[in-house]
Amino acid sequence: MNKNKTGMNDELRSEYDLRKLRVRRVGSERKTFGGVNIRLEPDVAEMFPDSEAVNEVLRFLMRITK
């Protein structure tokens, strides 16, 4: 067991390099990993409980406008 500067014991294996981990940010600086982020205005967002509800309404609008 190695002691680091904070005095905590480091029991991780040497092959686990935590410095290479990606950190997900919160808010507008957040990066997406494999998807598109669309920001809704607060008055619109309060009408929909989740992204599935938004997608359902948009698909309905696509069908009726064809």
N, C-alpha and C. Protein backbone atom coordinates (compact mmCIF):
# COMPACT_ATOMS: atom_id res chain seq x y z
N MET A 1 0.83 -1.19 0.00
CA MET A 1 0.00 0.00 0.00
C MET A 1 0.88 1.25 0.00
N ASN A 2 0.54 2.15 -0.90
CA ASN A 2 1.28 3.40 -0.99
C ASN A 2 0.53 4.51 -0.26
N LYS A 3 1.26 5.38 0.34
CA LYS A 3 0.64 6.55 0.96
C LYS A 3 0.84 7.73 0.03
N ASN A 4 -0.26 8.43 -0.27
CA ASN A 4 -0.12 9.62 -1.11
C ASN A 4 -0.06 10.86 -0.22
N LYS A 5 -0.10 12.04 -0.83
CA LYS A 5 0.09 13.28 -0.10
C LYS A 5 -1.01 13.53 0.94
N THR A 6 -2.22 13.01 0.72
CA THR A 6 -3.31 13.25 1.66
C THR A 6 -3.30 12.27 2.82
N GLY A 7 -2.42 11.29 2.76
CA GLY A 7 -2.32 10.32 3.84
C GLY A 7 -3.27 9.15 3.68
N MET A 8 -3.99 9.08 2.56
CA MET A 8 -4.92 7.98 2.33
C MET A 8 -4.16 6.80 1.73
N ASN A 9 -4.62 5.60 2.02
CA ASN A 9 -4.02 4.40 1.45
C ASN A 9 -4.53 4.21 0.03
N ASP A 10 -3.64 3.91 -0.90
CA ASP A 10 -4.00 3.64 -2.29
C ASP A 10 -3.90 2.15 -2.52
N GLU A 11 -5.04 1.49 -2.60
CA GLU A 11 -5.04 0.04 -2.77
C GLU A 11 -5.40 -0.37 -4.19
N LEU A 12 -5.45 0.58 -5.13
CA LEU A 12 -5.77 0.24 -6.51
C LEU A 12 -4.58 -0.43 -7.18
N ARG A 13 -4.89 -1.29 -8.11
CA ARG A 13 -3.82 -1.92 -8.87
C ARG A 13 -3.13 -0.90 -9.74
N SER A 14 -1.90 -1.15 -10.06
CA SER A 14 -1.12 -0.19 -10.85
C SER A 14 -1.67 -0.01 -12.26
N GLU A 15 -2.39 -1.01 -12.81
CA GLU A 15 -2.92 -0.89 -14.18
C GLU A 15 -4.15 0.03 -14.27
N TYR A 16 -4.72 0.40 -13.14
CA TYR A 16 -5.85 1.33 -13.13
C TYR A 16 -5.31 2.76 -13.05
N ASP A 17 -5.35 3.44 -14.20
CA ASP A 17 -4.85 4.81 -14.26
C ASP A 17 -6.05 5.75 -14.29
N LEU A 18 -6.41 6.31 -13.16
CA LEU A 18 -7.59 7.15 -13.05
C LEU A 18 -7.42 8.51 -13.70
N ARG A 19 -6.21 8.86 -14.05
CA ARG A 19 -5.98 10.15 -14.71
C ARG A 19 -6.54 10.18 -16.12
N LYS A 20 -6.81 9.00 -16.71
CA LYS A 20 -7.32 8.94 -18.08
C LYS A 20 -8.85 8.94 -18.14
N LEU A 21 -9.51 9.02 -17.00
CA LEU A 21 -10.97 9.02 -16.99
C LEU A 21 -11.52 10.33 -17.54
N ARG A 22 -12.64 10.25 -18.25
CA ARG A 22 -13.32 11.45 -18.72
C ARG A 22 -14.26 11.94 -17.63
N VAL A 23 -14.34 13.23 -17.48
CA VAL A 23 -15.24 13.82 -16.50
C VAL A 23 -16.38 14.48 -17.26
N ARG A 24 -17.62 14.12 -16.90
CA ARG A 24 -18.78 14.73 -17.53
C ARG A 24 -19.15 15.99 -16.79
N ARG A 25 -19.26 17.07 -17.50
CA ARG A 25 -19.61 18.35 -16.89
C ARG A 25 -21.12 18.52 -16.86
N VAL A 26 -21.57 19.36 -15.97
CA VAL A 26 -22.98 19.66 -15.86
C VAL A 26 -23.23 21.04 -16.44
N GLY A 27 -24.35 21.20 -17.10
CA GLY A 27 -24.70 22.50 -17.64
C GLY A 27 -24.34 22.65 -19.10
N SER A 28 -24.23 23.89 -19.55
CA SER A 28 -24.01 24.16 -20.97
C SER A 28 -22.64 23.72 -21.45
N GLU A 29 -21.68 23.53 -20.55
CA GLU A 29 -20.34 23.09 -20.95
C GLU A 29 -20.26 21.57 -21.10
N ARG A 30 -21.34 20.87 -20.80
CA ARG A 30 -21.35 19.41 -20.82
C ARG A 30 -21.22 18.90 -22.24
N LYS A 31 -20.38 17.91 -22.42
CA LYS A 31 -20.21 17.28 -23.71
C LYS A 31 -21.15 16.09 -23.80
N THR A 32 -21.61 15.78 -25.00
CA THR A 32 -22.42 14.59 -25.18
C THR A 32 -21.53 13.48 -25.71
N PHE A 33 -21.87 12.28 -25.35
CA PHE A 33 -21.13 11.11 -25.81
C PHE A 33 -22.07 10.26 -26.65
N GLY A 34 -22.16 10.59 -27.94
CA GLY A 34 -22.96 9.79 -28.85
C GLY A 34 -24.39 10.26 -29.04
N GLY A 35 -24.72 11.47 -28.76
CA GLY A 35 -26.08 11.95 -28.95
C GLY A 35 -26.11 13.43 -29.22
N VAL A 36 -27.29 13.90 -29.58
CA VAL A 36 -27.48 15.32 -29.84
C VAL A 36 -28.16 15.93 -28.64
N ASN A 37 -27.67 17.04 -28.18
CA ASN A 37 -28.27 17.77 -27.06
C ASN A 37 -29.07 18.93 -27.61
N ILE A 38 -30.32 19.02 -27.22
CA ILE A 38 -31.17 20.14 -27.61
C ILE A 38 -31.72 20.76 -26.35
N ARG A 39 -31.56 22.05 -26.22
CA ARG A 39 -32.03 22.75 -25.02
C ARG A 39 -33.41 23.33 -25.28
N LEU A 40 -34.34 23.05 -24.38
CA LEU A 40 -35.68 23.58 -24.47
C LEU A 40 -35.81 24.78 -23.54
N GLU A 41 -36.63 25.72 -23.94
CA GLU A 41 -36.94 26.84 -23.07
C GLU A 41 -37.72 26.31 -21.87
N PRO A 42 -37.59 26.95 -20.71
CA PRO A 42 -38.24 26.45 -19.49
C PRO A 42 -39.75 26.24 -19.61
N ASP A 43 -40.46 27.15 -20.31
CA ASP A 43 -41.91 26.99 -20.44
C ASP A 43 -42.27 25.78 -21.29
N VAL A 44 -41.45 25.45 -22.27
CA VAL A 44 -41.68 24.27 -23.09
C VAL A 44 -41.30 23.01 -22.31
N ALA A 45 -40.19 23.04 -21.61
CA ALA A 45 -39.70 21.87 -20.88
C ALA A 45 -40.66 21.43 -19.78
N GLU A 46 -41.39 22.36 -19.19
CA GLU A 46 -42.29 21.96 -18.10
C GLU A 46 -43.51 21.19 -18.62
N MET A 47 -43.75 21.22 -19.93
CA MET A 47 -44.88 20.49 -20.51
C MET A 47 -44.56 19.02 -20.78
N PHE A 48 -43.28 18.66 -20.78
CA PHE A 48 -42.86 17.31 -21.14
C PHE A 48 -42.07 16.68 -20.00
N PRO A 49 -42.48 15.49 -19.55
CA PRO A 49 -41.79 14.85 -18.43
C PRO A 49 -40.41 14.30 -18.79
N ASP A 50 -40.20 13.92 -20.07
CA ASP A 50 -38.92 13.34 -20.46
C ASP A 50 -38.73 13.45 -21.97
N SER A 51 -37.58 12.98 -22.44
CA SER A 51 -37.27 13.10 -23.87
C SER A 51 -38.18 12.24 -24.73
N GLU A 52 -38.67 11.13 -24.20
CA GLU A 52 -39.57 10.28 -24.97
C GLU A 52 -40.87 11.02 -25.31
N ALA A 53 -41.39 11.80 -24.37
CA ALA A 53 -42.61 12.58 -24.62
C ALA A 53 -42.37 13.63 -25.71
N VAL A 54 -41.22 14.26 -25.69
CA VAL A 54 -40.88 15.25 -26.72
C VAL A 54 -40.80 14.57 -28.08
N ASN A 55 -40.13 13.42 -28.14
CA ASN A 55 -40.02 12.69 -29.41
C ASN A 55 -41.37 12.25 -29.93
N GLU A 56 -42.27 11.82 -29.06
CA GLU A 56 -43.60 11.39 -29.46
C GLU A 56 -44.37 12.54 -30.11
N VAL A 57 -44.32 13.72 -29.52
CA VAL A 57 -45.03 14.88 -30.08
C VAL A 57 -44.41 15.30 -31.41
N LEU A 58 -43.09 15.30 -31.49
CA LEU A 58 -42.44 15.68 -32.74
C LEU A 58 -42.76 14.69 -33.86
N ARG A 59 -42.81 13.40 -33.56
CA ARG A 59 -43.17 12.41 -34.58
C ARG A 59 -44.61 12.60 -35.03
N PHE A 60 -45.49 12.93 -34.09
CA PHE A 60 -46.89 13.21 -34.45
C PHE A 60 -46.95 14.41 -35.40
N LEU A 61 -46.24 15.47 -35.08
CA LEU A 61 -46.24 16.65 -35.95
C LEU A 61 -45.67 16.33 -37.33
N MET A 62 -44.66 15.48 -37.38
CA MET A 62 -44.09 15.08 -38.68
C MET A 62 -45.14 14.34 -39.52
N ARG A 63 -45.92 13.47 -38.86
CA ARG A 63 -46.95 12.70 -39.59
C ARG A 63 -48.06 13.60 -40.13
N ILE A 64 -48.52 14.55 -39.33
CA ILE A 64 -49.66 15.36 -39.77
C ILE A 64 -49.27 16.44 -40.77
N THR A 65 -47.99 16.77 -40.85
CA THR A 65 -47.57 17.79 -41.82
C THR A 65 -47.22 17.20 -43.18
N LYS A 66 -47.18 15.88 -43.29
CA LYS A 66 -46.88 15.24 -44.60
C LYS A 66 -48.05 15.30 -45.54
